[in-house]
Amino acid sequence: MKYTKSQMKKLVSNNEELQKRLKQLMEEHDLEKSFALKALYHSEVAAGGKYQTAYQELD
């Protein structure tokens, strides 16, 4: 599965829990949004993550 920024943005915009997690990552680690999105992808989507199916359905 490949990371796509536009798909990740759609997934986050459609999920309130992911929006909160993204803001939390940005604040805790002082990350720009693009880096926080990628970190969120690797922690919550990739390799059988909780949101993997929802991410794949956006394709």
N, C-alpha and C. Protein backbone atom coordinates (compact mmCIF):
# COMPACT_ATOMS: atom_id res chain seq x y z
N MET A 1 0.84 -1.17 0.00
CA MET A 1 0.00 0.00 0.00
C MET A 1 0.89 1.24 0.00
N LYS A 2 0.49 2.21 -0.79
CA LYS A 2 1.31 3.40 -0.97
C LYS A 2 0.66 4.62 -0.31
N TYR A 3 1.49 5.45 0.32
CA TYR A 3 1.02 6.69 0.94
C TYR A 3 0.70 7.71 -0.13
N THR A 4 -0.50 8.27 -0.06
CA THR A 4 -0.91 9.35 -0.95
C THR A 4 -1.46 10.47 -0.09
N LYS A 5 -0.82 11.62 -0.17
CA LYS A 5 -1.20 12.75 0.68
C LYS A 5 -2.66 13.13 0.51
N SER A 6 -3.14 13.18 -0.73
CA SER A 6 -4.53 13.59 -0.97
C SER A 6 -5.52 12.60 -0.36
N GLN A 7 -5.23 11.31 -0.46
CA GLN A 7 -6.10 10.30 0.15
C GLN A 7 -6.08 10.42 1.66
N MET A 8 -4.92 10.67 2.21
CA MET A 8 -4.80 10.79 3.66
C MET A 8 -5.57 12.01 4.15
N LYS A 9 -5.52 13.11 3.40
CA LYS A 9 -6.28 14.31 3.77
C LYS A 9 -7.77 14.02 3.77
N LYS A 10 -8.25 13.27 2.75
CA LYS A 10 -9.67 12.91 2.68
C LYS A 10 -10.06 12.05 3.88
N LEU A 11 -9.24 11.08 4.18
CA LEU A 11 -9.52 10.18 5.29
C LEU A 11 -9.64 10.97 6.60
N VAL A 12 -8.71 11.87 6.84
CA VAL A 12 -8.71 12.67 8.06
C VAL A 12 -9.92 13.61 8.09
N SER A 13 -10.23 14.22 6.97
CA SER A 13 -11.36 15.16 6.95
C SER A 13 -12.69 14.46 7.19
N ASN A 14 -12.76 13.18 6.90
CA ASN A 14 -13.99 12.41 7.09
C ASN A 14 -14.07 11.73 8.46
N ASN A 15 -13.05 11.91 9.30
CA ASN A 15 -13.03 11.18 10.56
C ASN A 15 -12.59 12.12 11.70
N GLU A 16 -13.49 12.37 12.61
CA GLU A 16 -13.22 13.30 13.71
C GLU A 16 -12.10 12.80 14.64
N GLU A 17 -12.05 11.51 14.86
CA GLU A 17 -11.00 10.94 15.72
C GLU A 17 -9.61 11.15 15.11
N LEU A 18 -9.50 10.97 13.80
CA LEU A 18 -8.22 11.20 13.14
C LEU A 18 -7.85 12.68 13.13
N GLN A 19 -8.83 13.56 13.05
CA GLN A 19 -8.56 15.00 13.11
C GLN A 19 -7.94 15.36 14.45
N LYS A 20 -8.50 14.81 15.51
CA LYS A 20 -7.96 15.07 16.85
C LYS A 20 -6.55 14.51 16.99
N ARG A 21 -6.35 13.31 16.47
CA ARG A 21 -5.03 12.66 16.54
C ARG A 21 -3.98 13.45 15.76
N LEU A 22 -4.38 13.98 14.61
CA LEU A 22 -3.47 14.78 13.79
C LEU A 22 -3.03 16.04 14.54
N LYS A 23 -4.00 16.74 15.13
CA LYS A 23 -3.67 17.94 15.90
C LYS A 23 -2.76 17.61 17.08
N GLN A 24 -3.04 16.49 17.71
CA GLN A 24 -2.23 16.05 18.86
C GLN A 24 -0.79 15.78 18.42
N LEU A 25 -0.62 15.09 17.31
CA LEU A 25 0.73 14.81 16.79
C LEU A 25 1.47 16.10 16.46
N MET A 26 0.77 17.04 15.83
CA MET A 26 1.40 18.30 15.46
C MET A 26 1.87 19.07 16.68
N GLU A 27 1.06 19.07 17.74
CA GLU A 27 1.41 19.81 18.95
C GLU A 27 2.50 19.10 19.76
N GLU A 28 2.34 17.80 19.95
CA GLU A 28 3.29 17.04 20.78
C GLU A 28 4.69 17.02 20.20
N HIS A 29 4.78 16.89 18.88
CA HIS A 29 6.09 16.72 18.25
C HIS A 29 6.52 17.93 17.43
N ASP A 30 5.74 19.01 17.51
CA ASP A 30 6.03 20.24 16.79
C ASP A 30 6.28 19.95 15.30
N LEU A 31 5.30 19.27 14.69
CA LEU A 31 5.41 18.88 13.29
C LEU A 31 4.54 19.75 12.39
N GLU A 32 5.00 19.94 11.16
CA GLU A 32 4.17 20.57 10.15
C GLU A 32 3.09 19.57 9.77
N LYS A 33 2.00 20.07 9.21
CA LYS A 33 0.87 19.20 8.90
C LYS A 33 1.25 18.06 7.96
N SER A 34 2.06 18.31 6.95
CA SER A 34 2.41 17.26 5.99
C SER A 34 3.18 16.12 6.66
N PHE A 35 4.07 16.46 7.59
CA PHE A 35 4.82 15.43 8.29
C PHE A 35 3.93 14.68 9.29
N ALA A 36 3.03 15.40 9.92
CA ALA A 36 2.11 14.77 10.86
C ALA A 36 1.16 13.82 10.14
N LEU A 37 0.73 14.19 8.93
CA LEU A 37 -0.13 13.30 8.13
C LEU A 37 0.59 12.00 7.82
N LYS A 38 1.85 12.11 7.45
CA LYS A 38 2.62 10.91 7.12
C LYS A 38 2.82 10.04 8.36
N ALA A 39 3.09 10.65 9.49
CA ALA A 39 3.25 9.90 10.74
C ALA A 39 1.94 9.22 11.12
N LEU A 40 0.83 9.91 10.93
CA LEU A 40 -0.49 9.35 11.22
C LEU A 40 -0.76 8.16 10.30
N TYR A 41 -0.38 8.29 9.05
CA TYR A 41 -0.54 7.19 8.08
C TYR A 41 0.19 5.94 8.57
N HIS A 42 1.43 6.12 8.97
CA HIS A 42 2.24 4.97 9.39
C HIS A 42 1.75 4.37 10.71
N SER A 43 1.17 5.19 11.58
CA SER A 43 0.74 4.66 12.87
C SER A 43 -0.68 4.12 12.86
N GLU A 44 -1.57 4.67 12.03
CA GLU A 44 -2.98 4.29 12.07
C GLU A 44 -3.51 3.59 10.82
N VAL A 45 -2.77 3.65 9.70
CA VAL A 45 -3.29 3.12 8.44
C VAL A 45 -2.46 1.95 7.91
N ALA A 46 -1.17 2.18 7.72
CA ALA A 46 -0.30 1.19 7.08
C ALA A 46 -0.17 -0.09 7.91
N ALA A 47 0.15 -1.16 7.21
CA ALA A 47 0.45 -2.46 7.84
C ALA A 47 -0.66 -2.95 8.76
N GLY A 48 -1.89 -2.94 8.26
CA GLY A 48 -2.99 -3.49 9.03
C GLY A 48 -3.53 -2.58 10.11
N GLY A 49 -3.30 -1.29 9.97
CA GLY A 49 -3.78 -0.34 10.97
C GLY A 49 -5.29 -0.25 11.03
N LYS A 50 -5.76 0.42 12.03
CA LYS A 50 -7.19 0.55 12.31
C LYS A 50 -7.98 1.14 11.13
N TYR A 51 -7.37 2.02 10.36
CA TYR A 51 -8.07 2.71 9.28
C TYR A 51 -7.63 2.27 7.89
N GLN A 52 -6.96 1.15 7.79
CA GLN A 52 -6.44 0.68 6.51
C GLN A 52 -7.56 0.46 5.48
N THR A 53 -8.62 -0.17 5.88
CA THR A 53 -9.72 -0.45 4.95
C THR A 53 -10.36 0.83 4.45
N ALA A 54 -10.60 1.77 5.35
CA ALA A 54 -11.20 3.05 4.96
C ALA A 54 -10.30 3.80 3.98
N TYR A 55 -9.00 3.74 4.20
CA TYR A 55 -8.03 4.39 3.32
C TYR A 55 -8.05 3.76 1.93
N GLN A 56 -8.10 2.43 1.89
CA GLN A 56 -8.10 1.73 0.61
C GLN A 56 -9.38 1.98 -0.17
N GLU A 57 -10.49 2.18 0.53
CA GLU A 57 -11.75 2.44 -0.15
C GLU A 57 -11.76 3.81 -0.83
N LEU A 58 -10.90 4.72 -0.42
CA LEU A 58 -10.83 6.05 -1.05
C LEU A 58 -10.18 6.00 -2.42
N ASP A 59 -9.48 4.94 -2.70
CA ASP A 59 -8.73 4.83 -3.96
C ASP A 59 -9.63 4.65 -5.15
